[in-house]
């Protein structure tokens, strides 16, 4: 997997120390990833390379370990994560668009 996604990561503008925190601060740090366009690729990279520390793809160290234990046979996470993301997007309800106000 190429690493061109790194240039597009939202966290590039953050202080690296903010992403390598302990305890409850990890949830706050993971919020940086919420709107990142390369979140899935980042998480796949961390899982594929068994990166143990820091926030990657919006997941804490503990969350990634749990995922790795649940699916030990996965050797390439990107296809699985992208498929799951697409399935979730397909299931989410369409946004309700506000129509024009009723004519009086």
N, C-alpha and C. Protein backbone atom coordinates (compact mmCIF):
# COMPACT_ATOMS: atom_id res chain seq x y z
N UNK A 1 0.84 -1.17 0.00
CA UNK A 1 0.00 0.00 0.00
C UNK A 1 0.89 1.23 0.00
N UNK A 2 0.60 2.16 -0.91
CA UNK A 2 1.36 3.39 -0.96
C UNK A 2 1.07 4.26 0.25
N UNK A 3 1.95 5.18 0.51
CA UNK A 3 1.78 6.02 1.69
C UNK A 3 1.52 7.47 1.31
N UNK A 4 0.98 7.70 0.10
CA UNK A 4 0.66 9.05 -0.34
C UNK A 4 -0.45 9.68 0.50
N UNK A 5 -1.24 8.87 1.18
CA UNK A 5 -2.33 9.37 2.02
C UNK A 5 -1.81 10.22 3.17
N UNK A 6 -0.59 9.99 3.60
CA UNK A 6 -0.03 10.70 4.75
C UNK A 6 -0.05 12.22 4.53
N UNK A 7 0.19 12.63 3.30
CA UNK A 7 0.20 14.07 2.99
C UNK A 7 -1.17 14.70 3.18
N UNK A 8 -2.23 13.90 3.11
CA UNK A 8 -3.60 14.42 3.21
C UNK A 8 -4.18 14.31 4.61
N UNK A 9 -3.44 13.73 5.53
CA UNK A 9 -3.95 13.49 6.88
C UNK A 9 -4.15 14.79 7.65
N UNK A 10 -5.29 14.91 8.29
CA UNK A 10 -5.61 16.10 9.10
C UNK A 10 -4.59 16.27 10.22
N UNK A 11 -4.13 15.18 10.77
CA UNK A 11 -3.22 15.24 11.93
C UNK A 11 -1.84 15.79 11.58
N UNK A 12 -1.53 15.95 10.32
CA UNK A 12 -0.23 16.54 9.96
C UNK A 12 -0.07 17.93 10.55
N UNK A 13 -1.20 18.60 10.75
CA UNK A 13 -1.15 19.95 11.32
C UNK A 13 -1.13 19.94 12.85
N UNK A 14 -1.34 18.77 13.43
CA UNK A 14 -1.38 18.66 14.91
C UNK A 14 0.03 18.39 15.44
N UNK A 15 0.20 18.66 16.70
CA UNK A 15 1.45 18.35 17.39
C UNK A 15 1.46 16.84 17.60
N UNK A 16 2.52 16.17 17.19
CA UNK A 16 2.61 14.71 17.32
C UNK A 16 2.39 14.24 18.75
N UNK A 17 2.80 15.03 19.70
CA UNK A 17 2.62 14.65 21.11
C UNK A 17 1.14 14.54 21.47
N UNK A 18 0.28 15.25 20.74
CA UNK A 18 -1.16 15.19 21.01
C UNK A 18 -1.76 13.86 20.58
N UNK A 19 -1.08 13.13 19.72
CA UNK A 19 -1.58 11.86 19.21
C UNK A 19 -1.00 10.66 19.95
N UNK A 20 -0.02 10.89 20.77
CA UNK A 20 0.61 9.81 21.53
C UNK A 20 0.45 10.09 23.01
N UNK A 21 -0.80 9.98 23.45
CA UNK A 21 -1.16 10.27 24.84
C UNK A 21 -1.66 8.99 25.51
N UNK A 22 -1.87 9.06 26.80
CA UNK A 22 -2.30 7.89 27.56
C UNK A 22 -3.69 8.11 28.15
N UNK A 23 -4.33 7.02 28.52
CA UNK A 23 -5.59 7.06 29.26
C UNK A 23 -6.70 7.76 28.53
N UNK A 24 -7.49 8.52 29.30
CA UNK A 24 -8.68 9.16 28.75
C UNK A 24 -8.35 10.22 27.70
N UNK A 25 -7.15 10.73 27.70
CA UNK A 25 -6.75 11.73 26.71
C UNK A 25 -6.76 11.14 25.30
N UNK A 26 -6.73 9.81 25.18
CA UNK A 26 -6.74 9.18 23.87
C UNK A 26 -8.05 9.46 23.13
N UNK A 27 -9.16 9.46 23.83
CA UNK A 27 -10.45 9.73 23.18
C UNK A 27 -10.48 11.15 22.61
N UNK A 28 -9.94 12.09 23.36
CA UNK A 28 -9.86 13.47 22.87
C UNK A 28 -8.97 13.53 21.64
N UNK A 29 -7.85 12.85 21.69
CA UNK A 29 -6.92 12.85 20.57
C UNK A 29 -7.56 12.23 19.33
N UNK A 30 -8.35 11.19 19.52
CA UNK A 30 -9.00 10.50 18.39
C UNK A 30 -9.98 11.41 17.67
N UNK A 31 -10.49 12.42 18.36
CA UNK A 31 -11.44 13.35 17.75
C UNK A 31 -10.81 14.11 16.58
N UNK A 32 -9.49 14.24 16.59
CA UNK A 32 -8.79 14.90 15.48
C UNK A 32 -9.10 14.20 14.16
N UNK A 33 -9.31 12.90 14.23
CA UNK A 33 -9.51 12.08 13.03
C UNK A 33 -10.93 12.10 12.48
N UNK A 34 -11.86 12.67 13.21
CA UNK A 34 -13.28 12.56 12.86
C UNK A 34 -13.58 12.90 11.41
N UNK A 35 -13.11 14.00 10.91
CA UNK A 35 -13.43 14.42 9.54
C UNK A 35 -12.28 14.23 8.55
N UNK A 36 -11.33 13.39 8.90
CA UNK A 36 -10.17 13.18 8.04
C UNK A 36 -10.54 12.30 6.84
N UNK A 37 -10.17 12.72 5.66
CA UNK A 37 -10.51 12.00 4.44
C UNK A 37 -9.71 10.71 4.26
N UNK A 38 -8.62 10.55 4.99
CA UNK A 38 -7.79 9.35 4.84
C UNK A 38 -7.80 8.48 6.11
N UNK A 39 -8.82 8.66 6.91
CA UNK A 39 -8.94 7.94 8.18
C UNK A 39 -8.86 6.42 7.99
N UNK A 40 -9.58 5.89 7.02
CA UNK A 40 -9.59 4.44 6.79
C UNK A 40 -8.22 3.94 6.39
N UNK A 41 -7.55 4.65 5.51
CA UNK A 41 -6.21 4.23 5.07
C UNK A 41 -5.22 4.29 6.22
N UNK A 42 -5.35 5.29 7.07
CA UNK A 42 -4.48 5.44 8.23
C UNK A 42 -4.66 4.27 9.19
N UNK A 43 -5.91 3.94 9.48
CA UNK A 43 -6.19 2.82 10.37
C UNK A 43 -5.69 1.52 9.78
N UNK A 44 -5.90 1.31 8.48
CA UNK A 44 -5.42 0.09 7.82
C UNK A 44 -3.90 -0.01 7.93
N UNK A 45 -3.22 1.10 7.74
CA UNK A 45 -1.76 1.12 7.85
C UNK A 45 -1.32 0.69 9.24
N UNK A 46 -1.95 1.26 10.27
CA UNK A 46 -1.58 0.93 11.65
C UNK A 46 -1.85 -0.54 11.96
N UNK A 47 -2.97 -1.05 11.48
CA UNK A 47 -3.30 -2.46 11.74
C UNK A 47 -2.38 -3.40 10.96
N UNK A 48 -2.14 -3.08 9.70
CA UNK A 48 -1.25 -3.92 8.88
C UNK A 48 0.16 -3.99 9.45
N UNK A 49 0.62 -2.88 10.02
CA UNK A 49 1.98 -2.81 10.54
C UNK A 49 2.06 -3.04 12.05
N UNK A 50 0.92 -3.37 12.63
CA UNK A 50 0.85 -3.68 14.07
C UNK A 50 1.48 -2.56 14.92
N UNK A 51 1.12 -1.33 14.58
CA UNK A 51 1.63 -0.18 15.34
C UNK A 51 0.92 -0.16 16.69
N UNK A 52 1.69 -0.16 17.74
CA UNK A 52 1.14 -0.31 19.08
C UNK A 52 0.79 1.00 19.77
N UNK A 53 1.41 2.09 19.41
CA UNK A 53 1.25 3.33 20.18
C UNK A 53 0.58 4.41 19.35
N UNK A 54 -0.14 5.28 20.04
CA UNK A 54 -0.72 6.45 19.41
C UNK A 54 -2.11 6.22 18.84
N UNK A 55 -2.68 7.31 18.37
CA UNK A 55 -3.99 7.30 17.73
C UNK A 55 -3.74 7.17 16.22
N UNK A 56 -4.39 6.22 15.62
CA UNK A 56 -4.29 5.99 14.18
C UNK A 56 -5.69 5.73 13.64
N UNK A 57 -6.09 6.50 12.64
CA UNK A 57 -7.41 6.28 12.04
C UNK A 57 -8.55 6.44 13.02
N UNK A 58 -8.34 7.23 14.04
CA UNK A 58 -9.39 7.48 15.01
C UNK A 58 -9.53 6.41 16.08
N UNK A 59 -8.63 5.44 16.10
CA UNK A 59 -8.72 4.37 17.10
C UNK A 59 -7.57 4.45 18.09
N UNK A 60 -7.89 4.15 19.33
CA UNK A 60 -6.89 4.12 20.38
C UNK A 60 -6.10 2.81 20.29
N UNK A 61 -5.04 2.75 21.06
CA UNK A 61 -4.21 1.54 21.12
C UNK A 61 -5.06 0.33 21.52
N UNK A 62 -5.87 0.50 22.54
CA UNK A 62 -6.70 -0.60 23.05
C UNK A 62 -7.72 -1.06 22.00
N UNK A 63 -8.33 -0.10 21.31
CA UNK A 63 -9.32 -0.45 20.29
C UNK A 63 -8.68 -1.23 19.15
N UNK A 64 -7.47 -0.83 18.74
CA UNK A 64 -6.79 -1.56 17.66
C UNK A 64 -6.39 -2.96 18.12
N UNK A 65 -5.90 -3.09 19.34
CA UNK A 65 -5.55 -4.43 19.84
C UNK A 65 -6.77 -5.35 19.86
N UNK A 66 -7.90 -4.81 20.31
CA UNK A 66 -9.14 -5.59 20.35
C UNK A 66 -9.53 -6.06 18.94
N UNK A 67 -9.43 -5.18 17.98
CA UNK A 67 -9.77 -5.52 16.59
C UNK A 67 -8.82 -6.58 16.04
N UNK A 68 -7.54 -6.45 16.33
CA UNK A 68 -6.57 -7.44 15.87
C UNK A 68 -6.83 -8.81 16.50
N UNK A 69 -7.24 -8.83 17.75
CA UNK A 69 -7.56 -10.11 18.41
C UNK A 69 -8.82 -10.73 17.82
N UNK A 70 -9.80 -9.90 17.48
CA UNK A 70 -11.06 -10.42 16.94
C UNK A 70 -10.90 -10.97 15.53
N UNK A 71 -9.95 -10.45 14.77
CA UNK A 71 -9.77 -10.87 13.38
C UNK A 71 -8.30 -11.16 13.10
N UNK A 72 -7.75 -12.20 13.72
CA UNK A 72 -6.32 -12.48 13.57
C UNK A 72 -5.91 -12.94 12.17
N UNK A 73 -6.84 -13.41 11.38
CA UNK A 73 -6.50 -13.93 10.05
C UNK A 73 -6.37 -12.84 8.99
N UNK A 74 -6.79 -11.63 9.30
CA UNK A 74 -6.74 -10.55 8.31
C UNK A 74 -5.28 -10.15 8.09
N UNK A 75 -4.87 -10.15 6.83
CA UNK A 75 -3.49 -9.78 6.50
C UNK A 75 -3.41 -8.40 5.84
N UNK A 76 -4.52 -7.96 5.26
CA UNK A 76 -4.58 -6.63 4.66
C UNK A 76 -5.89 -5.99 5.08
N UNK A 77 -5.82 -4.98 5.90
CA UNK A 77 -7.00 -4.38 6.49
C UNK A 77 -7.73 -3.41 5.58
N UNK A 78 -7.06 -2.80 4.65
CA UNK A 78 -7.70 -1.74 3.85
C UNK A 78 -8.96 -2.22 3.13
N UNK A 79 -8.93 -3.34 2.40
CA UNK A 79 -10.16 -3.76 1.71
C UNK A 79 -11.32 -4.02 2.69
N UNK A 80 -11.02 -4.64 3.81
CA UNK A 80 -12.05 -4.94 4.80
C UNK A 80 -12.63 -3.66 5.38
N UNK A 81 -11.78 -2.71 5.75
CA UNK A 81 -12.26 -1.46 6.33
C UNK A 81 -13.04 -0.62 5.33
N UNK A 82 -12.58 -0.58 4.09
CA UNK A 82 -13.28 0.20 3.07
C UNK A 82 -14.65 -0.42 2.76
N UNK A 83 -14.71 -1.75 2.75
CA UNK A 83 -15.99 -2.42 2.54
C UNK A 83 -16.95 -2.13 3.69
N UNK A 84 -16.46 -2.18 4.90
CA UNK A 84 -17.30 -1.89 6.06
C UNK A 84 -17.77 -0.44 6.04
N UNK A 85 -16.89 0.47 5.66
CA UNK A 85 -17.27 1.88 5.58
C UNK A 85 -18.35 2.09 4.53
N UNK A 86 -18.21 1.43 3.38
CA UNK A 86 -19.20 1.56 2.32
C UNK A 86 -20.54 0.97 2.74
N UNK A 87 -20.50 -0.17 3.42
CA UNK A 87 -21.74 -0.80 3.90
C UNK A 87 -22.46 0.12 4.88
N UNK A 88 -21.71 0.74 5.75
CA UNK A 88 -22.30 1.67 6.72
C UNK A 88 -22.91 2.87 6.00
N UNK A 89 -22.23 3.36 4.99
CA UNK A 89 -22.75 4.50 4.23
C UNK A 89 -24.03 4.11 3.48
N UNK A 90 -24.07 2.90 2.96
CA UNK A 90 -25.26 2.43 2.24
C UNK A 90 -26.46 2.29 3.17
N UNK A 91 -26.21 1.94 4.43
CA UNK A 91 -27.29 1.73 5.40
C UNK A 91 -27.79 3.02 6.02
N UNK A 92 -26.97 4.06 5.99
CA UNK A 92 -27.38 5.30 6.65
C UNK A 92 -28.49 5.96 5.86
N UNK A 93 -29.46 6.52 6.57
CA UNK A 93 -30.59 7.15 5.88
C UNK A 93 -30.13 8.38 5.10
N UNK A 94 -30.82 8.62 4.02
CA UNK A 94 -30.52 9.79 3.20
C UNK A 94 -30.85 11.05 4.01
N UNK A 95 -30.07 12.10 3.84
CA UNK A 95 -30.35 13.32 4.59
C UNK A 95 -31.69 13.90 4.17
N UNK A 96 -32.39 14.46 5.12
CA UNK A 96 -33.66 15.11 4.83
C UNK A 96 -33.34 16.54 4.42
N UNK A 97 -33.74 16.86 3.20
CA UNK A 97 -33.48 18.19 2.69
C UNK A 97 -34.70 19.06 2.97
N UNK A 98 -34.44 20.22 3.44
CA UNK A 98 -35.53 21.15 3.70
C UNK A 98 -36.06 21.67 2.36
N UNK A 99 -37.34 21.59 2.18
CA UNK A 99 -37.96 22.09 0.95
C UNK A 99 -38.32 23.55 1.10
N UNK A 100 -38.83 24.10 0.05
CA UNK A 100 -39.23 25.51 0.14
C UNK A 100 -40.38 25.65 1.13
N UNK A 101 -40.45 26.77 1.74
CA UNK A 101 -41.55 27.05 2.68
C UNK A 101 -42.85 27.03 1.92
N UNK A 102 -43.93 26.62 2.60
CA UNK A 102 -45.24 26.56 1.92
C UNK A 102 -45.65 27.95 1.49
N UNK A 103 -46.21 27.97 0.32
CA UNK A 103 -46.70 29.25 -0.21
C UNK A 103 -47.98 29.60 0.53
N UNK A 104 -48.11 30.85 0.85
CA UNK A 104 -49.32 31.30 1.56
C UNK A 104 -50.25 31.93 0.61
